[in-house]
N, C-alpha and C. Protein backbone atom coordinates (compact mmCIF):
# COMPACT_ATOMS: atom_id res chain seq x y z
N MET A 1 13.30 -11.29 -2.15
CA MET A 1 12.58 -10.09 -2.57
C MET A 1 11.08 -10.34 -2.48
N ALA A 2 10.35 -9.38 -1.98
CA ALA A 2 8.90 -9.49 -1.85
C ALA A 2 8.23 -8.35 -2.59
N GLU A 3 7.00 -8.59 -3.01
CA GLU A 3 6.17 -7.55 -3.59
C GLU A 3 5.41 -6.89 -2.45
N VAL A 4 5.55 -5.57 -2.33
CA VAL A 4 4.97 -4.83 -1.21
C VAL A 4 4.02 -3.76 -1.73
N LEU A 5 2.85 -3.68 -1.14
CA LEU A 5 1.89 -2.61 -1.42
C LEU A 5 1.90 -1.63 -0.27
N ILE A 6 2.07 -0.34 -0.59
CA ILE A 6 1.99 0.72 0.42
C ILE A 6 0.79 1.59 0.09
N ALA A 7 -0.16 1.67 1.01
CA ALA A 7 -1.33 2.53 0.85
C ALA A 7 -1.33 3.55 1.98
N ASP A 8 -1.08 4.80 1.64
CA ASP A 8 -1.04 5.87 2.65
C ASP A 8 -1.36 7.19 1.95
N ASP A 9 -2.19 8.00 2.57
CA ASP A 9 -2.56 9.28 1.96
C ASP A 9 -1.49 10.35 2.15
N ASP A 10 -0.46 10.07 2.93
CA ASP A 10 0.64 11.02 3.12
C ASP A 10 1.78 10.66 2.16
N PRO A 11 2.02 11.49 1.15
CA PRO A 11 3.06 11.16 0.16
C PRO A 11 4.46 11.05 0.76
N ASP A 12 4.73 11.79 1.82
CA ASP A 12 6.05 11.71 2.46
C ASP A 12 6.27 10.35 3.11
N ILE A 13 5.25 9.84 3.78
CA ILE A 13 5.34 8.52 4.42
C ILE A 13 5.49 7.44 3.35
N ARG A 14 4.65 7.52 2.30
CA ARG A 14 4.75 6.54 1.21
C ARG A 14 6.15 6.54 0.62
N GLY A 15 6.66 7.72 0.33
CA GLY A 15 7.98 7.83 -0.29
C GLY A 15 9.09 7.28 0.60
N LEU A 16 9.02 7.59 1.88
CA LEU A 16 10.03 7.11 2.82
C LEU A 16 10.01 5.58 2.90
N LEU A 17 8.82 5.01 3.07
CA LEU A 17 8.70 3.55 3.14
C LEU A 17 9.15 2.90 1.84
N ALA A 18 8.72 3.46 0.71
CA ALA A 18 9.08 2.89 -0.59
C ALA A 18 10.59 2.93 -0.80
N SER A 19 11.22 4.05 -0.50
CA SER A 19 12.67 4.16 -0.68
C SER A 19 13.42 3.13 0.17
N TYR A 20 13.00 3.01 1.42
CA TYR A 20 13.64 2.06 2.32
C TYR A 20 13.49 0.62 1.80
N LEU A 21 12.27 0.25 1.47
CA LEU A 21 12.02 -1.12 1.02
C LEU A 21 12.68 -1.43 -0.32
N GLN A 22 12.68 -0.46 -1.23
CA GLN A 22 13.36 -0.66 -2.51
C GLN A 22 14.87 -0.81 -2.30
N GLY A 23 15.39 -0.08 -1.35
CA GLY A 23 16.81 -0.20 -1.02
C GLY A 23 17.18 -1.59 -0.50
N LEU A 24 16.21 -2.27 0.08
CA LEU A 24 16.41 -3.65 0.55
C LEU A 24 16.17 -4.66 -0.57
N GLY A 25 15.79 -4.18 -1.75
CA GLY A 25 15.59 -5.07 -2.89
C GLY A 25 14.16 -5.51 -3.15
N HIS A 26 13.20 -4.92 -2.45
CA HIS A 26 11.80 -5.29 -2.65
C HIS A 26 11.17 -4.50 -3.79
N GLU A 27 10.18 -5.10 -4.42
CA GLU A 27 9.38 -4.41 -5.44
C GLU A 27 8.22 -3.73 -4.72
N VAL A 28 8.04 -2.43 -4.96
CA VAL A 28 7.06 -1.65 -4.21
C VAL A 28 6.04 -0.99 -5.15
N ALA A 29 4.77 -1.09 -4.79
CA ALA A 29 3.70 -0.35 -5.46
C ALA A 29 3.11 0.61 -4.43
N GLU A 30 2.90 1.85 -4.83
CA GLU A 30 2.37 2.87 -3.92
C GLU A 30 1.02 3.37 -4.40
N VAL A 31 0.09 3.53 -3.47
CA VAL A 31 -1.21 4.15 -3.77
C VAL A 31 -1.56 5.11 -2.63
N ALA A 32 -2.45 6.06 -2.94
CA ALA A 32 -2.76 7.13 -1.99
C ALA A 32 -4.02 6.90 -1.17
N ASP A 33 -4.78 5.83 -1.45
CA ASP A 33 -6.01 5.61 -0.69
C ASP A 33 -6.46 4.16 -0.81
N GLY A 34 -7.44 3.82 0.02
CA GLY A 34 -7.95 2.46 0.04
C GLY A 34 -8.62 2.03 -1.26
N ASN A 35 -9.32 2.95 -1.91
CA ASN A 35 -9.96 2.60 -3.19
C ASN A 35 -8.92 2.17 -4.22
N SER A 36 -7.83 2.92 -4.30
CA SER A 36 -6.77 2.57 -5.24
C SER A 36 -6.11 1.25 -4.86
N ALA A 37 -5.96 1.02 -3.56
CA ALA A 37 -5.40 -0.25 -3.09
C ALA A 37 -6.28 -1.42 -3.51
N LEU A 38 -7.59 -1.26 -3.34
CA LEU A 38 -8.51 -2.34 -3.73
C LEU A 38 -8.46 -2.61 -5.22
N LYS A 39 -8.39 -1.55 -6.02
CA LYS A 39 -8.29 -1.73 -7.48
C LYS A 39 -7.02 -2.49 -7.84
N LEU A 40 -5.91 -2.12 -7.23
CA LEU A 40 -4.65 -2.78 -7.51
C LEU A 40 -4.66 -4.23 -7.02
N LEU A 41 -5.24 -4.47 -5.87
CA LEU A 41 -5.34 -5.83 -5.34
C LEU A 41 -6.23 -6.71 -6.21
N GLY A 42 -7.09 -6.11 -6.99
CA GLY A 42 -7.92 -6.87 -7.92
C GLY A 42 -7.14 -7.39 -9.11
N THR A 43 -5.95 -6.83 -9.35
CA THR A 43 -5.16 -7.23 -10.51
C THR A 43 -3.81 -7.84 -10.16
N ARG A 44 -3.35 -7.63 -8.94
CA ARG A 44 -2.03 -8.11 -8.52
C ARG A 44 -2.09 -8.70 -7.13
N ARG A 45 -1.12 -9.55 -6.83
CA ARG A 45 -0.97 -10.13 -5.50
C ARG A 45 0.31 -9.59 -4.88
N PHE A 46 0.26 -9.36 -3.58
CA PHE A 46 1.40 -8.85 -2.84
C PHE A 46 1.70 -9.76 -1.67
N LYS A 47 2.96 -9.89 -1.32
CA LYS A 47 3.35 -10.66 -0.14
C LYS A 47 3.08 -9.86 1.13
N ILE A 48 3.24 -8.52 1.03
CA ILE A 48 3.08 -7.64 2.19
C ILE A 48 2.27 -6.42 1.78
N ALA A 49 1.37 -5.99 2.65
CA ALA A 49 0.62 -4.75 2.44
C ALA A 49 0.76 -3.88 3.69
N LEU A 50 1.26 -2.68 3.50
CA LEU A 50 1.35 -1.69 4.58
C LEU A 50 0.24 -0.69 4.34
N LEU A 51 -0.77 -0.69 5.21
CA LEU A 51 -1.97 0.11 5.01
C LEU A 51 -2.14 1.11 6.15
N ASP A 52 -2.28 2.37 5.79
CA ASP A 52 -2.57 3.41 6.76
C ASP A 52 -3.99 3.17 7.30
N VAL A 53 -4.14 3.23 8.60
CA VAL A 53 -5.45 2.99 9.19
C VAL A 53 -6.37 4.18 8.96
N VAL A 54 -5.83 5.39 8.94
CA VAL A 54 -6.64 6.59 8.79
C VAL A 54 -6.40 7.20 7.40
N MET A 55 -7.31 6.91 6.47
CA MET A 55 -7.28 7.48 5.12
C MET A 55 -8.69 7.92 4.77
N PRO A 56 -8.82 8.90 3.89
CA PRO A 56 -10.16 9.31 3.48
C PRO A 56 -10.86 8.21 2.68
N ARG A 57 -12.15 8.25 2.68
CA ARG A 57 -13.01 7.30 1.98
C ARG A 57 -12.83 5.88 2.53
N VAL A 58 -11.99 5.07 1.96
CA VAL A 58 -11.78 3.70 2.42
C VAL A 58 -10.47 3.65 3.21
N ASN A 59 -10.56 3.34 4.50
CA ASN A 59 -9.34 3.31 5.32
C ASN A 59 -8.67 1.93 5.24
N GLY A 60 -7.55 1.79 5.96
CA GLY A 60 -6.80 0.54 5.91
C GLY A 60 -7.56 -0.66 6.42
N ILE A 61 -8.32 -0.49 7.49
CA ILE A 61 -9.11 -1.60 8.03
C ILE A 61 -10.18 -2.04 7.03
N GLU A 62 -10.87 -1.08 6.44
CA GLU A 62 -11.90 -1.41 5.43
C GLU A 62 -11.26 -2.08 4.21
N THR A 63 -10.05 -1.68 3.88
CA THR A 63 -9.35 -2.31 2.74
C THR A 63 -9.10 -3.78 3.03
N ILE A 64 -8.68 -4.09 4.24
CA ILE A 64 -8.45 -5.49 4.61
C ILE A 64 -9.76 -6.28 4.55
N ILE A 65 -10.82 -5.71 5.06
CA ILE A 65 -12.11 -6.40 5.08
C ILE A 65 -12.62 -6.66 3.66
N GLU A 66 -12.39 -5.72 2.75
CA GLU A 66 -12.89 -5.86 1.38
C GLU A 66 -12.11 -6.89 0.55
N THR A 67 -10.89 -7.26 0.99
CA THR A 67 -10.11 -8.18 0.16
C THR A 67 -10.39 -9.61 0.45
């Protein structure tokens, strides 16, 4: 089991990915943007991060650079 962070501004995509990964037994945290991902990454560690490249404000690439 892995801890997975999903950051995507599309709630349908987040939900689909989360459902699939939870069904495989992974622990999943979902956020809607890069700012929320950075806040969560400041308090928790994840084995895997799935980041949308195109998000408002802070995108997935900027999120990687900031961590």
